[in-house]
Amino acid sequence: MSTVIQGYKKDDTTLMKGAPDRILAKCTKFQHFNGVSGMTKEAKQAIDNEIKDLSKLGLRVLAFAEIEGAGKLAGVNP
């Protein structure tokens, strides 16, 4: 299940929280220490591997994503 948060910024950006596999499947960019990069197959695989490693340690992993310019989609629950 995902949670959508609206109104945390003054524009129509929406914040989504949920299962990493569901969020990651929809991402086109990701943020890291050096800025923002386009999401490549290699980057998705590296993130997925990290999620699996953390899960093996018994840790629960959540993903967060910003949807900039969501417009009318900002009112739709995924």
C-alpha atoms as a PDB file:
ATOM      1  CA  MET A   1       0.000   0.000   0.000  1.00  0.00           C
ATOM      2  CA  SER A   2       1.263   3.455  -0.876  1.00  0.00           C
ATOM      3  CA  THR A   3       0.562   6.706   0.897  1.00  0.00           C
ATOM      4  CA  VAL A   4       0.244   9.952  -1.033  1.00  0.00           C
ATOM      5  CA  ILE A   5       0.899  13.266   0.726  1.00  0.00           C
ATOM      6  CA  GLN A   6      -0.235  16.494  -0.834  1.00  0.00           C
ATOM      7  CA  GLY A   7       0.386  20.083   0.130  1.00  0.00           C
ATOM      8  CA  TYR A   8       3.812  19.680   1.706  1.00  0.00           C
ATOM      9  CA  LYS A   9       5.058  22.153  -0.891  1.00  0.00           C
ATOM     10  CA  LYS A  10       3.162  25.131  -2.233  1.00  0.00           C
ATOM     11  CA  ASP A  11       3.022  23.759  -5.789  1.00  0.00           C
ATOM     12  CA  ASP A  12       1.408  20.613  -7.149  1.00  0.00           C
ATOM     13  CA  THR A  13       4.260  18.308  -6.106  1.00  0.00           C
ATOM     14  CA  THR A  14       3.099  15.112  -4.445  1.00  0.00           C
ATOM     15  CA  LEU A  15       5.093  12.893  -2.092  1.00  0.00           C
ATOM     16  CA  MET A  16       4.571   9.139  -2.216  1.00  0.00           C
ATOM     17  CA  LYS A  17       5.672   6.529   0.329  1.00  0.00           C
ATOM     18  CA  GLY A  18       5.394   2.797  -0.117  1.00  0.00           C
ATOM     19  CA  ALA A  19       6.913  -0.553  -0.985  1.00  0.00           C
ATOM     20  CA  PRO A  20      10.265  -0.096  -2.725  1.00  0.00           C
ATOM     21  CA  ASP A  21       9.468  -2.436  -5.618  1.00  0.00           C
ATOM     22  CA  ARG A  22       6.271  -0.515  -6.444  1.00  0.00           C
ATOM     23  CA  ILE A  23       7.854   2.940  -6.128  1.00  0.00           C
ATOM     24  CA  LEU A  24      11.097   1.995  -7.896  1.00  0.00           C
ATOM     25  CA  ALA A  25       9.186   0.602 -10.883  1.00  0.00           C
ATOM     26  CA  LYS A  26       7.753   4.073 -11.574  1.00  0.00           C
ATOM     27  CA  CYS A  27      10.884   6.172 -11.016  1.00  0.00           C
ATOM     28  CA  THR A  28      12.649   7.951 -13.869  1.00  0.00           C
ATOM     29  CA  LYS A  29      15.224   9.787 -11.698  1.00  0.00           C
ATOM     30  CA  PHE A  30      16.854   9.306  -8.324  1.00  0.00           C
ATOM     31  CA  GLN A  31      18.599  11.565  -5.844  1.00  0.00           C
ATOM     32  CA  HIS A  32      21.990  10.738  -4.376  1.00  0.00           C
ATOM     33  CA  PHE A  33      24.733  12.613  -2.531  1.00  0.00           C
ATOM     34  CA  ASN A  34      25.983  14.286  -5.725  1.00  0.00           C
ATOM     35  CA  GLY A  35      22.578  15.417  -7.022  1.00  0.00           C
ATOM     36  CA  VAL A  36      19.931  13.893  -9.276  1.00  0.00           C
ATOM     37  CA  SER A  37      20.547  11.330 -12.029  1.00  0.00           C
ATOM     38  CA  GLY A  38      18.404   9.565 -14.576  1.00  0.00           C
ATOM     39  CA  MET A  39      17.232   6.107 -13.539  1.00  0.00           C
ATOM     40  CA  THR A  40      19.041   3.472 -15.577  1.00  0.00           C
ATOM     41  CA  LYS A  41      18.644  -0.310 -15.496  1.00  0.00           C
ATOM     42  CA  GLU A  42      21.974  -0.494 -13.688  1.00  0.00           C
ATOM     43  CA  ALA A  43      20.897   2.052 -11.075  1.00  0.00           C
ATOM     44  CA  LYS A  44      17.592   0.234 -10.483  1.00  0.00           C
ATOM     45  CA  GLN A  45      19.458  -3.040 -10.087  1.00  0.00           C
ATOM     46  CA  ALA A  46      21.941  -1.509  -7.624  1.00  0.00           C
ATOM     47  CA  ILE A  47      19.114  -0.008  -5.562  1.00  0.00           C
ATOM     48  CA  ASP A  48      17.189  -3.296  -5.672  1.00  0.00           C
ATOM     49  CA  ASN A  49      20.302  -5.194  -4.507  1.00  0.00           C
ATOM     50  CA  GLU A  50      20.724  -2.770  -1.606  1.00  0.00           C
ATOM     51  CA  ILE A  51      17.066  -3.241  -0.631  1.00  0.00           C
ATOM     52  CA  LYS A  52      17.507  -7.033  -0.688  1.00  0.00           C
ATOM     53  CA  ASP A  53      20.653  -6.809   1.460  1.00  0.00           C
ATOM     54  CA  LEU A  54      18.864  -4.669   4.049  1.00  0.00           C
ATOM     55  CA  SER A  55      15.848  -6.983   4.037  1.00  0.00           C
ATOM     56  CA  LYS A  56      18.107  -9.984   4.697  1.00  0.00           C
ATOM     57  CA  LEU A  57      19.232  -8.205   7.865  1.00  0.00           C
ATOM     58  CA  GLY A  58      15.608  -8.085   9.011  1.00  0.00           C
ATOM     59  CA  LEU A  59      15.196  -4.387   8.260  1.00  0.00           C
ATOM     60  CA  ARG A  60      12.023  -3.009   6.746  1.00  0.00           C
ATOM     61  CA  VAL A  61      12.668  -0.783   3.757  1.00  0.00           C
ATOM     62  CA  LEU A  62      10.346   1.990   2.573  1.00  0.00           C
ATOM     63  CA  ALA A  63      10.717   4.098  -0.544  1.00  0.00           C
ATOM     64  CA  PHE A  64       9.818   7.742  -1.008  1.00  0.00           C
ATOM     65  CA  ALA A  65       9.272   9.539  -4.293  1.00  0.00           C
ATOM     66  CA  GLU A  66       8.402  13.069  -5.332  1.00  0.00           C
ATOM     67  CA  ILE A  67       6.030  13.556  -8.225  1.00  0.00           C
ATOM     68  CA  GLU A  68       6.690  17.058  -9.517  1.00  0.00           C
ATOM     69  CA  GLY A  69       3.901  18.743 -11.411  1.00  0.00           C
ATOM     70  CA  ALA A  70       1.388  16.049 -10.518  1.00  0.00           C
ATOM     71  CA  GLY A  71      -1.453  18.439 -11.349  1.00  0.00           C
ATOM     72  CA  LYS A  72      -4.773  16.594 -11.366  1.00  0.00           C
ATOM     73  CA  LEU A  73      -2.961  13.370 -10.505  1.00  0.00           C
ATOM     74  CA  ALA A  74      -2.153  14.857  -7.104  1.00  0.00           C
ATOM     75  CA  GLY A  75      -5.662  13.922  -5.982  1.00  0.00           C
ATOM     76  CA  VAL A  76      -5.500  10.289  -7.111  1.00  0.00           C
ATOM     77  CA  ASN A  77      -4.481   7.488  -4.748  1.00  0.00           C
ATOM     78  CA  PRO A  78      -2.226   4.868  -6.384  1.00  0.00           C
END
